Amino acid sequence: MAGLLARWAALVLAAYTLALGLIFHAYWLAPAADARFERIIFFNHLSIIGGMLAIVAFGAGCLSLDALMRRKS
């Protein structure tokens, strides 16, 4: 991503990652032998979502295409 519509893209990707985590890494439904691995991957997905929500909250930064378009208008 070069920063063009970064907030919207990050929001869509966060929702998509949450859906994937809930569907494919439901550690609470996994057998005991697999639950530890699934829990690790699920919380890894949550940390990725946290990073994407930081982009949603703060934007892509001053060197992004969004910032360049804002400066020109």
PDB file of N, CA and C in Angstrom:
ATOM      1  N   MET A   1       0.833  -1.170   0.000  1.00  0.00           N
ATOM      2  CA  MET A   1       0.000   0.000   0.000  1.00  0.00           C
ATOM      3  C   MET A   1       0.880   1.235   0.000  1.00  0.00           C
ATOM      4  N   ALA A   2       0.594   2.136  -0.851  1.00  0.00           N
ATOM      5  CA  ALA A   2       1.345   3.382  -0.940  1.00  0.00           C
ATOM      6  C   ALA A   2       0.675   4.485  -0.144  1.00  0.00           C
ATOM      7  N   GLY A   3      -0.375   4.187   0.540  1.00  0.00           N
ATOM      8  CA  GLY A   3      -1.054   5.182   1.334  1.00  0.00           C
ATOM      9  C   GLY A   3      -2.273   5.768   0.658  1.00  0.00           C
ATOM     10  N   LEU A   4      -2.693   5.219  -0.443  1.00  0.00           N
ATOM     11  CA  LEU A   4      -3.892   5.689  -1.121  1.00  0.00           C
ATOM     12  C   LEU A   4      -5.099   4.977  -0.521  1.00  0.00           C
ATOM     13  N   LEU A   5      -5.996   5.748   0.073  1.00  0.00           N
ATOM     14  CA  LEU A   5      -7.158   5.212   0.781  1.00  0.00           C
ATOM     15  C   LEU A   5      -6.743   4.196   1.851  1.00  0.00           C
ATOM     16  N   ALA A   6      -5.685   4.516   2.561  1.00  0.00           N
ATOM     17  CA  ALA A   6      -5.111   3.577   3.526  1.00  0.00           C
ATOM     18  C   ALA A   6      -6.058   3.277   4.672  1.00  0.00           C
ATOM     19  N   ARG A   7      -6.779   4.274   5.134  1.00  0.00           N
ATOM     20  CA  ARG A   7      -7.684   4.038   6.266  1.00  0.00           C
ATOM     21  C   ARG A   7      -8.791   3.061   5.895  1.00  0.00           C
ATOM     22  N   TRP A   8      -9.389   3.252   4.724  1.00  0.00           N
ATOM     23  CA  TRP A   8     -10.457   2.348   4.293  1.00  0.00           C
ATOM     24  C   TRP A   8      -9.922   0.945   4.026  1.00  0.00           C
ATOM     25  N   ALA A   9      -8.770   0.869   3.389  1.00  0.00           N
ATOM     26  CA  ALA A   9      -8.186  -0.443   3.098  1.00  0.00           C
ATOM     27  C   ALA A   9      -7.837  -1.174   4.387  1.00  0.00           C
ATOM     28  N   ALA A  10      -7.286  -0.454   5.364  1.00  0.00           N
ATOM     29  CA  ALA A  10      -6.932  -1.078   6.640  1.00  0.00           C
ATOM     30  C   ALA A  10      -8.177  -1.541   7.388  1.00  0.00           C
ATOM     31  N   LEU A  11      -9.251  -0.771   7.301  1.00  0.00           N
ATOM     32  CA  LEU A  11     -10.494  -1.168   7.967  1.00  0.00           C
ATOM     33  C   LEU A  11     -11.078  -2.429   7.342  1.00  0.00           C
ATOM     34  N   VAL A  12     -11.071  -2.502   6.022  1.00  0.00           N
ATOM     35  CA  VAL A  12     -11.580  -3.693   5.330  1.00  0.00           C
ATOM     36  C   VAL A  12     -10.702  -4.901   5.647  1.00  0.00           C
ATOM     37  N   LEU A  13      -9.387  -4.728   5.622  1.00  0.00           N
ATOM     38  CA  LEU A  13      -8.486  -5.837   5.927  1.00  0.00           C
ATOM     39  C   LEU A  13      -8.595  -6.282   7.381  1.00  0.00           C
ATOM     40  N   ALA A  14      -8.837  -5.357   8.301  1.00  0.00           N
ATOM     41  CA  ALA A  14      -9.020  -5.727   9.703  1.00  0.00           C
ATOM     42  C   ALA A  14     -10.275  -6.577   9.878  1.00  0.00           C
ATOM     43  N   ALA A  15     -11.366  -6.173   9.218  1.00  0.00           N
ATOM     44  CA  ALA A  15     -12.601  -6.954   9.303  1.00  0.00           C
ATOM     45  C   ALA A  15     -12.417  -8.340   8.680  1.00  0.00           C
ATOM     46  N   TYR A  16     -11.719  -8.386   7.555  1.00  0.00           N
ATOM     47  CA  TYR A  16     -11.455  -9.656   6.880  1.00  0.00           C
ATOM     48  C   TYR A  16     -10.590 -10.570   7.749  1.00  0.00           C
ATOM     49  N   THR A  17      -9.566 -10.011   8.361  1.00  0.00           N
ATOM     50  CA  THR A  17      -8.684 -10.798   9.220  1.00  0.00           C
ATOM     51  C   THR A  17      -9.421 -11.298  10.453  1.00  0.00           C
ATOM     52  N   LEU A  18     -10.306 -10.474  11.004  1.00  0.00           N
ATOM     53  CA  LEU A  18     -11.107 -10.921  12.144  1.00  0.00           C
ATOM     54  C   LEU A  18     -12.010 -12.083  11.749  1.00  0.00           C
ATOM     55  N   ALA A  19     -12.653 -11.965  10.600  1.00  0.00           N
ATOM     56  CA  ALA A  19     -13.525 -13.056  10.141  1.00  0.00           C
ATOM     57  C   ALA A  19     -12.727 -14.337   9.921  1.00  0.00           C
ATOM     58  N   LEU A  20     -11.556 -14.223   9.315  1.00  0.00           N
ATOM     59  CA  LEU A  20     -10.730 -15.415   9.105  1.00  0.00           C
ATOM     60  C   LEU A  20     -10.283 -16.028  10.422  1.00  0.00           C
ATOM     61  N   GLY A  21      -9.912 -15.186  11.366  1.00  0.00           N
ATOM     62  CA  GLY A  21      -9.491 -15.701  12.668  1.00  0.00           C
ATOM     63  C   GLY A  21     -10.606 -16.428  13.376  1.00  0.00           C
ATOM     64  N   LEU A  22     -11.806 -15.868  13.338  1.00  0.00           N
ATOM     65  CA  LEU A  22     -12.933 -16.509  14.013  1.00  0.00           C
ATOM     66  C   LEU A  22     -13.361 -17.799  13.333  1.00  0.00           C
ATOM     67  N   ILE A  23     -13.241 -17.845  12.013  1.00  0.00           N
ATOM     68  CA  ILE A  23     -13.686 -19.035  11.282  1.00  0.00           C
ATOM     69  C   ILE A  23     -12.634 -20.146  11.306  1.00  0.00           C
ATOM     70  N   PHE A  24     -11.401 -19.810  10.990  1.00  0.00           N
ATOM     71  CA  PHE A  24     -10.389 -20.848  10.782  1.00  0.00           C
ATOM     72  C   PHE A  24      -9.525 -21.144  12.001  1.00  0.00           C
ATOM     73  N   HIS A  25      -9.504 -20.267  12.990  1.00  0.00           N
ATOM     74  CA  HIS A  25      -8.647 -20.492  14.154  1.00  0.00           C
ATOM     75  C   HIS A  25      -9.441 -20.419  15.446  1.00  0.00           C
ATOM     76  N   ALA A  26     -10.599 -21.031  15.457  1.00  0.00           N
ATOM     77  CA  ALA A  26     -11.456 -21.065  16.647  1.00  0.00           C
ATOM     78  C   ALA A  26     -10.876 -22.078  17.626  1.00  0.00           C
ATOM     79  N   TYR A  27      -9.936 -21.630  18.445  1.00  0.00           N
ATOM     80  CA  TYR A  27      -9.236 -22.541  19.353  1.00  0.00           C
ATOM     81  C   TYR A  27     -10.166 -23.077  20.437  1.00  0.00           C
ATOM     82  N   TRP A  28     -11.250 -22.376  20.719  1.00  0.00           N
ATOM     83  CA  TRP A  28     -12.181 -22.838  21.740  1.00  0.00           C
ATOM     84  C   TRP A  28     -12.982 -24.045  21.275  1.00  0.00           C
ATOM     85  N   LEU A  29     -12.969 -24.323  19.957  1.00  0.00           N
ATOM     86  CA  LEU A  29     -13.653 -25.499  19.428  1.00  0.00           C
ATOM     87  C   LEU A  29     -12.689 -26.628  19.071  1.00  0.00           C
ATOM     88  N   ALA A  30     -11.390 -26.337  19.110  1.00  0.00           N
ATOM     89  CA  ALA A  30     -10.389 -27.315  18.677  1.00  0.00           C
ATOM     90  C   ALA A  30     -10.146 -28.350  19.768  1.00  0.00           C
ATOM     91  N   PRO A  31      -9.710 -29.542  19.357  1.00  0.00           N
ATOM     92  CA  PRO A  31      -9.322 -30.535  20.358  1.00  0.00           C
ATOM     93  C   PRO A  31      -8.129 -30.036  21.171  1.00  0.00           C
ATOM     94  N   ALA A  32      -7.944 -30.581  22.344  1.00  0.00           N
ATOM     95  CA  ALA A  32      -6.912 -30.102  23.269  1.00  0.00           C
ATOM     96  C   ALA A  32      -5.518 -30.130  22.648  1.00  0.00           C
ATOM     97  N   ALA A  33      -5.243 -31.107  21.798  1.00  0.00           N
ATOM     98  CA  ALA A  33      -3.918 -31.217  21.193  1.00  0.00           C
ATOM     99  C   ALA A  33      -3.644 -30.070  20.222  1.00  0.00           C
ATOM    100  N   ASP A  34      -4.671 -29.579  19.563  1.00  0.00           N
ATOM    101  CA  ASP A  34      -4.505 -28.510  18.576  1.00  0.00           C
ATOM    102  C   ASP A  34      -4.827 -27.127  19.127  1.00  0.00           C
ATOM    103  N   ALA A  35      -5.413 -27.045  20.298  1.00  0.00           N
ATOM    104  CA  ALA A  35      -5.900 -25.767  20.817  1.00  0.00           C
ATOM    105  C   ALA A  35      -4.769 -24.774  21.059  1.00  0.00           C
ATOM    106  N   ARG A  36      -3.619 -25.238  21.513  1.00  0.00           N
ATOM    107  CA  ARG A  36      -2.506 -24.316  21.793  1.00  0.00           C
ATOM    108  C   ARG A  36      -2.035 -23.632  20.515  1.00  0.00           C
ATOM    109  N   PHE A  37      -1.829 -24.394  19.463  1.00  0.00           N
ATOM    110  CA  PHE A  37      -1.385 -23.822  18.196  1.00  0.00           C
ATOM    111  C   PHE A  37      -2.433 -22.870  17.627  1.00  0.00           C
ATOM    112  N   GLU A  38      -3.700 -23.266  17.658  1.00  0.00           N
ATOM    113  CA  GLU A  38      -4.764 -22.423  17.133  1.00  0.00           C
ATOM    114  C   GLU A  38      -4.892 -21.132  17.930  1.00  0.00           C
ATOM    115  N   ARG A  39      -4.689 -21.196  19.253  1.00  0.00           N
ATOM    116  CA  ARG A  39      -4.741 -20.000  20.092  1.00  0.00           C
ATOM    117  C   ARG A  39      -3.611 -19.042  19.749  1.00  0.00           C
ATOM    118  N   ILE A  40      -2.416 -19.557  19.508  1.00  0.00           N
ATOM    119  CA  ILE A  40      -1.288 -18.722  19.127  1.00  0.00           C
ATOM    120  C   ILE A  40      -1.572 -18.006  17.809  1.00  0.00           C
ATOM    121  N   ILE A  41      -2.071 -18.728  16.833  1.00  0.00           N
ATOM    122  CA  ILE A  41      -2.368 -18.126  15.533  1.00  0.00           C
ATOM    123  C   ILE A  41      -3.520 -17.128  15.641  1.00  0.00           C
ATOM    124  N   PHE A  42      -4.537 -17.446  16.462  1.00  0.00           N
ATOM    125  CA  PHE A  42      -5.656 -16.523  16.643  1.00  0.00           C
ATOM    126  C   PHE A  42      -5.187 -15.198  17.239  1.00  0.00           C
ATOM    127  N   PHE A  43      -4.364 -15.264  18.284  1.00  0.00           N
ATOM    128  CA  PHE A  43      -3.874 -14.021  18.887  1.00  0.00           C
ATOM    129  C   PHE A  43      -2.876 -13.307  17.985  1.00  0.00           C
ATOM    130  N   ASN A  44      -2.213 -14.029  17.120  1.00  0.00           N
ATOM    131  CA  ASN A  44      -1.380 -13.390  16.102  1.00  0.00           C
ATOM    132  C   ASN A  44      -2.265 -12.574  15.157  1.00  0.00           C
ATOM    133  N   HIS A  45      -3.389 -13.123  14.765  1.00  0.00           N
ATOM    134  CA  HIS A  45      -4.343 -12.391  13.936  1.00  0.00           C
ATOM    135  C   HIS A  45      -4.852 -11.147  14.661  1.00  0.00           C
ATOM    136  N   LEU A  46      -5.106 -11.264  15.967  1.00  0.00           N
ATOM    137  CA  LEU A  46      -5.556 -10.096  16.725  1.00  0.00           C
ATOM    138  C   LEU A  46      -4.501  -8.997  16.759  1.00  0.00           C
ATOM    139  N   SER A  47      -3.239  -9.370  16.851  1.00  0.00           N
ATOM    140  CA  SER A  47      -2.189  -8.350  16.846  1.00  0.00           C
ATOM    141  C   SER A  47      -2.085  -7.674  15.481  1.00  0.00           C
ATOM    142  N   ILE A  48      -2.282  -8.417  14.415  1.00  0.00           N
ATOM    143  CA  ILE A  48      -2.293  -7.826  13.074  1.00  0.00           C
ATOM    144  C   ILE A  48      -3.469  -6.857  12.946  1.00  0.00           C
ATOM    145  N   ILE A  49      -4.623  -7.231  13.485  1.00  0.00           N
ATOM    146  CA  ILE A  49      -5.788  -6.349  13.466  1.00  0.00           C
ATOM    147  C   ILE A  49      -5.493  -5.070  14.236  1.00  0.00           C
ATOM    148  N   GLY A  50      -4.790  -5.169  15.352  1.00  0.00           N
ATOM    149  CA  GLY A  50      -4.421  -3.981  16.116  1.00  0.00           C
ATOM    150  C   GLY A  50      -3.557  -3.031  15.311  1.00  0.00           C
ATOM    151  N   GLY A  51      -2.623  -3.555  14.540  1.00  0.00           N
ATOM    152  CA  GLY A  51      -1.809  -2.713  13.678  1.00  0.00           C
ATOM    153  C   GLY A  51      -2.630  -2.038  12.598  1.00  0.00           C
ATOM    154  N   MET A  52      -3.576  -2.767  12.044  1.00  0.00           N
ATOM    155  CA  MET A  52      -4.435  -2.170  11.019  1.00  0.00           C
ATOM    156  C   MET A  52      -5.339  -1.096  11.600  1.00  0.00           C
ATOM    157  N   LEU A  53      -5.824  -1.303  12.821  1.00  0.00           N
ATOM    158  CA  LEU A  53      -6.659  -0.286  13.457  1.00  0.00           C
ATOM    159  C   LEU A  53      -5.847   0.957  13.822  1.00  0.00           C
ATOM    160  N   ALA A  54      -4.556   0.811  14.040  1.00  0.00           N
ATOM    161  CA  ALA A  54      -3.695   1.985  14.247  1.00  0.00           C
ATOM    162  C   ALA A  54      -3.621   2.812  12.966  1.00  0.00           C
ATOM    163  N   ILE A  55      -3.566   2.147  11.821  1.00  0.00           N
ATOM    164  CA  ILE A  55      -3.593   2.865  10.535  1.00  0.00           C
ATOM    165  C   ILE A  55      -4.938   3.569  10.361  1.00  0.00           C
ATOM    166  N   VAL A  56      -6.020   2.899  10.752  1.00  0.00           N
ATOM    167  CA  VAL A  56      -7.349   3.514  10.657  1.00  0.00           C
ATOM    168  C   VAL A  56      -7.408   4.765  11.539  1.00  0.00           C
ATOM    169  N   ALA A  57      -6.837   4.698  12.723  1.00  0.00           N
ATOM    170  CA  ALA A  57      -6.920   5.812  13.668  1.00  0.00           C
ATOM    171  C   ALA A  57      -6.010   6.972  13.279  1.00  0.00           C
ATOM    172  N   PHE A  58      -4.784   6.686  12.835  1.00  0.00           N
ATOM    173  CA  PHE A  58      -3.792   7.738  12.644  1.00  0.00           C
ATOM    174  C   PHE A  58      -3.472   8.033  11.188  1.00  0.00           C
ATOM    175  N   GLY A  59      -3.934   7.213  10.263  1.00  0.00           N
ATOM    176  CA  GLY A  59      -3.644   7.430   8.854  1.00  0.00           C
ATOM    177  C   GLY A  59      -2.316   6.815   8.451  1.00  0.00           C
ATOM    178  N   ALA A  60      -1.965   6.998   7.191  1.00  0.00           N
ATOM    179  CA  ALA A  60      -0.771   6.358   6.648  1.00  0.00           C
ATOM    180  C   ALA A  60       0.496   7.174   6.865  1.00  0.00           C
ATOM    181  N   GLY A  61       0.385   8.414   7.227  1.00  0.00           N
ATOM    182  CA  GLY A  61       1.559   9.223   7.493  1.00  0.00           C
ATOM    183  C   GLY A  61       1.753  10.328   6.476  1.00  0.00           C
ATOM    184  N   CYS A  62       2.785  11.120   6.698  1.00  0.00           N
ATOM    185  CA  CYS A  62       2.997  12.313   5.871  1.00  0.00           C
ATOM    186  C   CYS A  62       3.581  11.994   4.499  1.00  0.00           C
ATOM    187  N   LEU A  63       4.120  10.819   4.294  1.00  0.00           N
ATOM    188  CA  LEU A  63       4.703  10.459   3.004  1.00  0.00           C
ATOM    189  C   LEU A  63       3.769   9.604   2.148  1.00  0.00           C
ATOM    190  N   SER A  64       2.505   9.534   2.508  1.00  0.00           N
ATOM    191  CA  SER A  64       1.562   8.699   1.765  1.00  0.00           C
ATOM    192  C   SER A  64       0.921   9.486   0.626  1.00  0.00           C
ATOM    193  N   LEU A  65       0.272   8.768  -0.272  1.00  0.00           N
ATOM    194  CA  LEU A  65      -0.451   9.421  -1.361  1.00  0.00           C
ATOM    195  C   LEU A  65      -1.650  10.203  -0.860  1.00  0.00           C
ATOM    196  N   ASP A  66      -2.288   9.737   0.221  1.00  0.00           N
ATOM    197  CA  ASP A  66      -3.392  10.489   0.808  1.00  0.00           C
ATOM    198  C   ASP A  66      -2.925  11.863   1.281  1.00  0.00           C
ATOM    199  N   ALA A  67      -1.786  11.927   1.949  1.00  0.00           N
ATOM    200  CA  ALA A  67      -1.256  13.198   2.426  1.00  0.00           C
ATOM    201  C   ALA A  67      -0.866  14.092   1.259  1.00  0.00           C
ATOM    202  N   LEU A  68      -0.310  13.522   0.199  1.00  0.00           N
ATOM    203  CA  LEU A  68       0.056  14.302  -0.972  1.00  0.00           C
ATOM    204  C   LEU A  68      -1.181  14.884  -1.631  1.00  0.00           C
ATOM    205  N   MET A  69      -2.247  14.129  -1.736  1.00  0.00           N
ATOM    206  CA  MET A  69      -3.475  14.628  -2.339  1.00  0.00           C
ATOM    207  C   MET A  69      -4.120  15.696  -1.467  1.00  0.00           C
ATOM    208  N   ARG A  70      -4.015  15.568  -0.141  1.00  0.00           N
ATOM    209  CA  ARG A  70      -4.551  16.575   0.765  1.00  0.00           C
ATOM    210  C   ARG A  70      -3.792  17.899   0.643  1.00  0.00           C
ATOM    211  N   ARG A  71      -2.476  17.815   0.460  1.00  0.00           N
ATOM    212  CA  ARG A  71      -1.662  19.028   0.327  1.00  0.00           C
ATOM    213  C   ARG A  71      -1.955  19.761  -0.966  1.00  0.00           C
ATOM    214  N   LYS A  72      -2.262  19.029  -2.035  1.00  0.00           N
ATOM    215  CA  LYS A  72      -2.519  19.671  -3.331  1.00  0.00           C
ATOM    216  C   LYS A  72      -3.878  20.334  -3.403  1.00  0.00           C
ATOM    217  N   SER A  73      -4.827  19.896  -2.601  1.00  0.00           N
ATOM    218  CA  SER A  73      -6.170  20.463  -2.699  1.00  0.00           C
ATOM    219  C   SER A  73      -6.393  21.592  -1.709  1.00  0.00           C
TER     220      SER A  73
END
